[in-house]
């Protein structure tokens, strides 16, 4: 009889220990399981086609772009863009600058657009801006041009520099650092200095 009682108590103690172990491990790993779920939700990637982004100011279009495709990264709230074309608009929503680029990124949180592949901006007056990288952010910010910046105003001037800042209509600009500026008066000089 003592042996049966001893066996029952031993089995009960083992069962309680096993159940206690499962409950304790579940409680300890609860935070880890929750963080694991949150981590997997944090970094989502999606391939997107035909992307259109528009920024408005005072209920009017300020700029918009179209990208043929892109890859969205939820961790960084950004889209890597491919084959981008777009426009900047004036207060009457007329196109004042058109642009194209083979690559870029768009940060949906900060509204920062960065183009970095065969970039060309063309103003409505025919001016052209080339640069390795063009960046703008928000409706009140200038366009920052970095690397091999070349700006051509028809029948006026050509500038070459490593850095420059432009307004959204390409009518005002500031060249930063070492630069070459050519003001030309005839077509021969224009042809000579606009070779890219």
Protein backbone atom coordinates (compact mmCIF):
# COMPACT_ATOMS: atom_id res chain seq x y z
CA UNK A 1 0.00 0.00 0.00
CA UNK A 2 2.86 2.37 0.84
CA UNK A 3 4.43 1.52 -2.48
CA UNK A 4 1.25 2.46 -4.43
CA UNK A 5 0.91 5.71 -2.50
CA UNK A 6 4.58 6.53 -3.08
CA UNK A 7 4.13 5.80 -6.85
CA UNK A 8 1.02 8.01 -7.08
CA UNK A 9 2.76 10.88 -5.27
CA UNK A 10 5.83 10.53 -7.52
CA UNK A 11 3.69 10.56 -10.68
CA UNK A 12 1.71 13.56 -9.38
CA UNK A 13 4.94 15.44 -8.59
CA UNK A 14 6.32 14.66 -12.07
CA UNK A 15 3.05 15.74 -13.74
CA UNK A 16 2.98 19.00 -11.77
CA UNK A 17 6.64 19.65 -12.66
CA UNK A 18 5.99 19.00 -16.38
CA UNK A 19 2.87 21.19 -16.44
CA UNK A 20 4.71 23.90 -14.49
CA UNK A 21 7.61 23.68 -17.02
CA UNK A 22 5.25 24.14 -19.98
CA UNK A 23 3.45 27.06 -18.34
CA UNK A 24 6.73 28.71 -17.31
CA UNK A 25 8.32 28.29 -20.79
CA UNK A 26 5.17 29.64 -22.47
CA UNK A 27 5.24 32.70 -20.17
CA UNK A 28 8.96 33.31 -20.73
CA UNK A 29 8.78 33.00 -24.52
CA UNK A 30 5.62 35.13 -24.87
CA UNK A 31 7.64 38.32 -25.44
CA UNK A 32 9.97 36.55 -27.87
CA UNK A 33 7.01 35.18 -29.86
CA UNK A 34 5.37 38.63 -29.98
CA UNK A 35 8.62 40.30 -31.11
CA UNK A 36 9.13 37.61 -33.72
CA UNK A 37 5.67 38.27 -35.16
CA UNK A 38 6.30 42.02 -35.12
CA UNK A 39 9.72 41.60 -36.81
CA UNK A 40 8.21 39.56 -39.63
CA UNK A 41 5.57 42.26 -40.13
CA UNK A 42 8.14 45.08 -40.03
CA UNK A 43 10.12 44.23 -43.10
CA UNK A 44 7.67 43.56 -45.91
CA UNK A 45 8.82 43.72 -49.55
CA UNK A 46 6.56 44.01 -52.57
CA UNK A 47 7.23 44.38 -56.27
CA UNK A 48 4.99 47.14 -57.62
CA UNK A 49 4.23 48.17 -61.20
CA UNK A 50 2.96 51.48 -62.59
CA UNK A 51 3.62 53.68 -59.56
CA UNK A 52 2.25 57.22 -59.46
CA UNK A 53 3.11 59.66 -56.67
CA UNK A 54 1.82 63.23 -56.43
CA UNK A 55 2.52 66.02 -53.98
CA UNK A 56 0.11 68.88 -53.61
CA UNK A 57 0.51 72.31 -52.09
CA UNK A 58 -2.54 74.43 -51.25
CA UNK A 59 -4.71 71.80 -52.98
CA UNK A 60 -2.75 72.18 -56.25
CA UNK A 61 -0.31 69.73 -57.80
CA UNK A 62 3.29 70.64 -57.05
CA UNK A 63 5.01 67.61 -58.61
CA UNK A 64 4.17 64.10 -59.65
CA UNK A 65 6.03 61.16 -61.08
CA UNK A 66 5.29 57.86 -62.73
CA UNK A 67 7.60 54.85 -62.39
CA UNK A 68 7.29 51.76 -64.56
CA UNK A 69 8.11 49.47 -61.62
CA UNK A 70 9.55 49.46 -58.14
CA UNK A 71 10.20 47.51 -54.97
CA UNK A 72 8.56 48.61 -51.73
CA UNK A 73 10.39 48.08 -48.42
CA UNK A 74 8.11 48.57 -45.39
CA UNK A 75 10.99 48.73 -42.91
CA UNK A 76 12.36 51.87 -44.58
CA UNK A 77 8.99 53.14 -45.90
CA UNK A 78 10.59 53.56 -49.29
CA UNK A 79 10.19 52.46 -52.88
CA UNK A 80 13.12 51.80 -55.21
CA UNK A 81 11.95 53.15 -58.59
CA UNK A 82 12.72 52.10 -62.17
CA UNK A 83 12.15 54.17 -65.33
CA UNK A 84 10.84 57.36 -63.76
CA UNK A 85 9.22 60.27 -65.61
CA UNK A 86 7.49 63.26 -64.06
CA UNK A 87 6.66 66.94 -63.92
CA UNK A 88 6.81 69.99 -61.66
CA UNK A 89 3.86 72.40 -61.87
CA UNK A 90 3.33 76.11 -61.32
CA UNK A 91 0.48 77.62 -59.27
CA UNK A 92 -1.87 77.31 -62.28
CA UNK A 93 -0.94 73.61 -62.58
CA UNK A 94 0.94 74.16 -65.85
CA UNK A 95 4.01 71.98 -66.42
CA UNK A 96 7.18 74.04 -65.81
CA UNK A 97 9.75 71.22 -65.65
CA UNK A 98 9.67 67.65 -66.93
CA UNK A 99 12.15 65.01 -65.87
CA UNK A 100 13.24 61.43 -66.48
CA UNK A 101 15.58 58.98 -64.79
CA UNK A 102 16.31 55.28 -65.03
CA UNK A 103 16.52 54.78 -61.24
CA UNK A 104 15.44 56.46 -58.04
CA UNK A 105 13.95 56.12 -54.57
CA UNK A 106 10.90 57.63 -52.92
CA UNK A 107 10.53 57.80 -49.13
CA UNK A 108 6.82 57.89 -48.36
CA UNK A 109 7.36 59.19 -44.82
CA UNK A 110 9.61 62.16 -45.61
CA UNK A 111 8.40 62.63 -49.23
CA UNK A 112 12.04 62.69 -50.34
CA UNK A 113 12.65 61.80 -53.97
CA UNK A 114 16.16 60.82 -55.07
CA UNK A 115 16.91 60.15 -58.74
CA UNK A 116 20.26 58.58 -59.55
CA UNK A 117 20.39 57.16 -63.04
CA UNK A 118 20.75 59.05 -66.34
CA UNK A 119 18.91 62.08 -65.00
CA UNK A 120 17.55 64.84 -67.21
CA UNK A 121 15.37 67.78 -66.19
CA UNK A 122 14.01 70.06 -68.94
CA UNK A 123 12.42 73.44 -68.17
CA UNK A 124 9.63 74.97 -70.21
CA UNK A 125 12.12 77.58 -71.50
CA UNK A 126 14.25 74.75 -72.93
CA UNK A 127 16.86 74.77 -70.17
CA UNK A 128 18.35 71.37 -69.39
CA UNK A 129 19.80 69.99 -66.18
CA UNK A 130 21.91 66.82 -66.10
CA UNK A 131 23.36 65.31 -62.92
CA UNK A 132 24.35 61.97 -61.41
CA UNK A 133 21.91 62.53 -58.55
CA UNK A 134 18.92 64.86 -58.10
CA UNK A 135 17.13 65.16 -54.75
CA UNK A 136 14.10 67.12 -53.57
CA UNK A 137 11.85 66.87 -50.56
CA UNK A 138 8.55 68.54 -50.03
CA UNK A 139 6.83 71.38 -51.80
CA UNK A 140 8.94 74.18 -50.36
CA UNK A 141 12.35 72.61 -50.92
CA UNK A 142 14.86 73.23 -53.68
CA UNK A 143 16.29 70.56 -55.96
CA UNK A 144 19.80 69.48 -55.01
CA UNK A 145 22.01 68.28 -57.90
CA UNK A 146 25.13 66.22 -57.12
CA UNK A 147 27.88 64.84 -59.34
CA UNK A 148 28.70 65.90 -62.91
CA UNK A 149 26.10 68.67 -62.85
CA UNK A 150 25.59 70.39 -66.18
CA UNK A 151 23.03 73.13 -66.67
CA UNK A 152 22.30 74.63 -70.08
CA UNK A 153 20.14 77.69 -70.67
CA UNK A 154 19.45 78.08 -74.40
CA UNK A 155 21.33 81.01 -75.97
CA UNK A 156 22.64 82.08 -72.56
CA UNK A 157 25.03 79.88 -70.63
CA UNK A 158 26.41 76.49 -69.74
CA UNK A 159 27.60 75.57 -66.25
CA UNK A 160 29.49 72.49 -65.13
CA UNK A 161 30.05 71.70 -61.46
CA UNK A 162 29.96 68.90 -58.91
CA UNK A 163 27.08 70.40 -56.93
CA UNK A 164 24.27 72.91 -57.45
CA UNK A 165 20.89 73.90 -56.02
CA UNK A 166 17.89 74.79 -58.22
CA UNK A 167 14.35 75.99 -57.65
CA UNK A 168 11.54 73.84 -59.03
CA UNK A 169 11.24 75.90 -62.24
CA UNK A 170 15.02 75.85 -62.98
CA UNK A 171 14.95 79.67 -63.15
CA UNK A 172 17.08 80.30 -60.06
CA UNK A 173 20.16 78.30 -59.14
CA UNK A 174 23.31 78.36 -57.07
CA UNK A 175 26.50 76.59 -58.10
CA UNK A 176 28.50 75.15 -55.20
CA UNK A 177 32.23 74.50 -55.27
CA UNK A 178 34.56 74.43 -58.25
CA UNK A 179 32.69 75.18 -61.47
CA UNK A 180 33.03 76.17 -65.11
CA UNK A 181 30.60 78.76 -66.41
CA UNK A 182 30.45 79.72 -70.08
CA UNK A 183 28.31 82.55 -71.34
CA UNK A 184 27.97 82.33 -75.11
CA UNK A 185 26.81 84.68 -77.79
CA UNK A 186 26.85 82.60 -80.96
CA UNK A 187 25.98 79.10 -82.12
CA UNK A 188 29.62 78.01 -82.53
CA UNK A 189 30.41 78.72 -78.88
CA UNK A 190 27.15 77.05 -77.85
CA UNK A 191 28.04 73.86 -79.76
CA UNK A 192 31.55 73.82 -78.29
CA UNK A 193 30.47 74.01 -74.65
CA UNK A 194 27.31 71.94 -74.67
CA UNK A 195 29.03 68.66 -75.57
CA UNK A 196 28.19 66.16 -72.84
